[in-house]
Amino acid sequence: MLQFVVILKALVEVAMCAFLGQGILYILAGSKREQNFVYGIMKTLTNPVTWIARFISPRFVLDQHIWLVAIFLLVAAWVALTLAKVSLVLAPA
């Protein structure tokens, strides 16, 4: 069970780093970011999280703000998985 939690936590961390990289390229590349190969890879990595955020959020949330919902979901999942990992490590054998 611990290995499953560690793998899920690693996947969440990869998605969080991809969002961070997208944000950095958004600032550096400007309007040409859509043609950037690395930006495309990061967008592909974050598409599942963005899709889930769009699916669970109400319709009045604008598409420009879905990335905030996605990051909130990732941070909440990271905290929950960290707590699960700590409880599994500290559980008596």
C-alpha atoms as a PDB file:
ATOM      1  CA  MET A   1       0.000   0.000   0.000  1.00  0.00           C
ATOM      2  CA  LEU A   2       2.868   2.345   0.811  1.00  0.00           C
ATOM      3  CA  GLN A   3       4.366   1.850  -2.636  1.00  0.00           C
ATOM      4  CA  PHE A   4       1.019   2.747  -4.271  1.00  0.00           C
ATOM      5  CA  VAL A   5       0.809   5.977  -2.247  1.00  0.00           C
ATOM      6  CA  VAL A   6       4.413   6.859  -3.112  1.00  0.00           C
ATOM      7  CA  ILE A   7       3.754   6.308  -6.840  1.00  0.00           C
ATOM      8  CA  LEU A   8       0.598   8.444  -6.763  1.00  0.00           C
ATOM      9  CA  LYS A   9       2.428  11.179  -4.874  1.00  0.00           C
ATOM     10  CA  ALA A  10       5.204  11.143  -7.481  1.00  0.00           C
ATOM     11  CA  LEU A  11       2.648  11.483 -10.303  1.00  0.00           C
ATOM     12  CA  VAL A  12       1.056  14.455  -8.549  1.00  0.00           C
ATOM     13  CA  GLU A  13       4.465  16.060  -8.102  1.00  0.00           C
ATOM     14  CA  VAL A  14       5.271  15.592 -11.810  1.00  0.00           C
ATOM     15  CA  ALA A  15       1.977  17.272 -12.737  1.00  0.00           C
ATOM     16  CA  MET A  16       2.704  20.136 -10.340  1.00  0.00           C
ATOM     17  CA  CYS A  17       6.159  20.625 -11.880  1.00  0.00           C
ATOM     18  CA  ALA A  18       4.602  20.581 -15.355  1.00  0.00           C
ATOM     19  CA  PHE A  19       2.183  23.339 -14.319  1.00  0.00           C
ATOM     20  CA  LEU A  20       5.106  25.318 -12.909  1.00  0.00           C
ATOM     21  CA  GLY A  21       7.030  24.871 -16.159  1.00  0.00           C
ATOM     22  CA  GLN A  22       4.015  25.959 -18.165  1.00  0.00           C
ATOM     23  CA  GLY A  23       3.777  29.100 -16.065  1.00  0.00           C
ATOM     24  CA  ILE A  24       7.443  29.908 -16.565  1.00  0.00           C
ATOM     25  CA  LEU A  25       7.154  29.396 -20.329  1.00  0.00           C
ATOM     26  CA  TYR A  26       3.980  31.501 -20.338  1.00  0.00           C
ATOM     27  CA  ILE A  27       6.036  34.370 -18.958  1.00  0.00           C
ATOM     28  CA  LEU A  28       9.167  33.809 -21.061  1.00  0.00           C
ATOM     29  CA  ALA A  29       7.747  32.785 -24.444  1.00  0.00           C
ATOM     30  CA  GLY A  30       4.691  35.016 -24.455  1.00  0.00           C
ATOM     31  CA  SER A  31       2.347  34.505 -27.394  1.00  0.00           C
ATOM     32  CA  LYS A  32       4.720  32.084 -29.132  1.00  0.00           C
ATOM     33  CA  ARG A  33       4.404  29.502 -26.367  1.00  0.00           C
ATOM     34  CA  GLU A  34       1.916  27.399 -28.353  1.00  0.00           C
ATOM     35  CA  GLN A  35       4.628  26.684 -30.957  1.00  0.00           C
ATOM     36  CA  ASN A  36       7.156  25.716 -28.259  1.00  0.00           C
ATOM     37  CA  PHE A  37       7.853  21.961 -28.195  1.00  0.00           C
ATOM     38  CA  VAL A  38       8.522  21.810 -24.450  1.00  0.00           C
ATOM     39  CA  TYR A  39       5.329  23.745 -23.717  1.00  0.00           C
ATOM     40  CA  GLY A  40       3.415  21.169 -25.770  1.00  0.00           C
ATOM     41  CA  ILE A  41       4.880  18.325 -23.736  1.00  0.00           C
ATOM     42  CA  MET A  42       3.964  20.051 -20.475  1.00  0.00           C
ATOM     43  CA  LYS A  43       0.473  20.771 -21.766  1.00  0.00           C
ATOM     44  CA  THR A  44       0.079  17.086 -22.645  1.00  0.00           C
ATOM     45  CA  LEU A  45       1.145  16.137 -19.110  1.00  0.00           C
ATOM     46  CA  THR A  46      -1.350  18.516 -17.515  1.00  0.00           C
ATOM     47  CA  ASN A  47      -4.315  17.856 -19.831  1.00  0.00           C
ATOM     48  CA  PRO A  48      -5.792  15.041 -17.673  1.00  0.00           C
ATOM     49  CA  VAL A  49      -5.722  17.232 -14.562  1.00  0.00           C
ATOM     50  CA  THR A  50      -7.205  20.161 -16.458  1.00  0.00           C
ATOM     51  CA  TRP A  51      -9.939  17.915 -17.850  1.00  0.00           C
ATOM     52  CA  ILE A  52     -10.838  16.641 -14.365  1.00  0.00           C
ATOM     53  CA  ALA A  53     -10.875  20.217 -13.037  1.00  0.00           C
ATOM     54  CA  ARG A  54     -13.224  21.293 -15.856  1.00  0.00           C
ATOM     55  CA  PHE A  55     -15.458  18.250 -15.226  1.00  0.00           C
ATOM     56  CA  ILE A  56     -15.923  18.826 -11.490  1.00  0.00           C
ATOM     57  CA  SER A  57     -16.079  22.614 -11.458  1.00  0.00           C
ATOM     58  CA  PRO A  58     -19.389  24.436 -11.919  1.00  0.00           C
ATOM     59  CA  ARG A  59     -20.195  26.022 -15.273  1.00  0.00           C
ATOM     60  CA  PHE A  60     -19.764  29.595 -13.999  1.00  0.00           C
ATOM     61  CA  VAL A  61     -16.014  29.013 -13.574  1.00  0.00           C
ATOM     62  CA  LEU A  62     -14.392  30.548 -16.640  1.00  0.00           C
ATOM     63  CA  ASP A  63     -11.979  28.545 -18.778  1.00  0.00           C
ATOM     64  CA  GLN A  64      -9.230  31.044 -17.961  1.00  0.00           C
ATOM     65  CA  HIS A  65      -9.489  30.011 -14.286  1.00  0.00           C
ATOM     66  CA  ILE A  66      -9.548  26.234 -14.693  1.00  0.00           C
ATOM     67  CA  TRP A  67      -5.793  26.077 -14.162  1.00  0.00           C
ATOM     68  CA  LEU A  68      -6.319  27.476 -10.652  1.00  0.00           C
ATOM     69  CA  VAL A  69      -8.839  24.730  -9.888  1.00  0.00           C
ATOM     70  CA  ALA A  70      -6.420  22.133 -11.278  1.00  0.00           C
ATOM     71  CA  ILE A  71      -3.548  23.401  -9.131  1.00  0.00           C
ATOM     72  CA  PHE A  72      -5.808  23.431  -6.072  1.00  0.00           C
ATOM     73  CA  LEU A  73      -6.764  19.812  -6.768  1.00  0.00           C
ATOM     74  CA  LEU A  74      -3.113  18.835  -7.135  1.00  0.00           C
ATOM     75  CA  VAL A  75      -2.122  20.556  -3.900  1.00  0.00           C
ATOM     76  CA  ALA A  76      -5.036  18.929  -2.042  1.00  0.00           C
ATOM     77  CA  ALA A  77      -4.089  15.520  -3.466  1.00  0.00           C
ATOM     78  CA  TRP A  78      -0.446  16.075  -2.518  1.00  0.00           C
ATOM     79  CA  VAL A  79      -1.364  16.956   1.070  1.00  0.00           C
ATOM     80  CA  ALA A  80      -3.703  13.960   1.350  1.00  0.00           C
ATOM     81  CA  LEU A  81      -1.096  11.592  -0.072  1.00  0.00           C
ATOM     82  CA  THR A  82       1.595  13.002   2.217  1.00  0.00           C
ATOM     83  CA  LEU A  83      -0.643  12.412   5.240  1.00  0.00           C
ATOM     84  CA  ALA A  84      -1.418   8.903   4.006  1.00  0.00           C
ATOM     85  CA  LYS A  85       2.279   8.181   3.546  1.00  0.00           C
ATOM     86  CA  VAL A  86       3.112   9.419   7.038  1.00  0.00           C
ATOM     87  CA  SER A  87       0.340   7.345   8.597  1.00  0.00           C
ATOM     88  CA  LEU A  88       1.456   4.240   6.691  1.00  0.00           C
ATOM     89  CA  VAL A  89       5.081   4.690   7.719  1.00  0.00           C
ATOM     90  CA  LEU A  90       4.228   5.295  11.370  1.00  0.00           C
ATOM     91  CA  ALA A  91       1.652   2.482  11.579  1.00  0.00           C
ATOM     92  CA  PRO A  92       2.705  -0.439  13.750  1.00  0.00           C
ATOM     93  CA  ALA A  93       3.737  -3.465  11.723  1.00  0.00           C
END
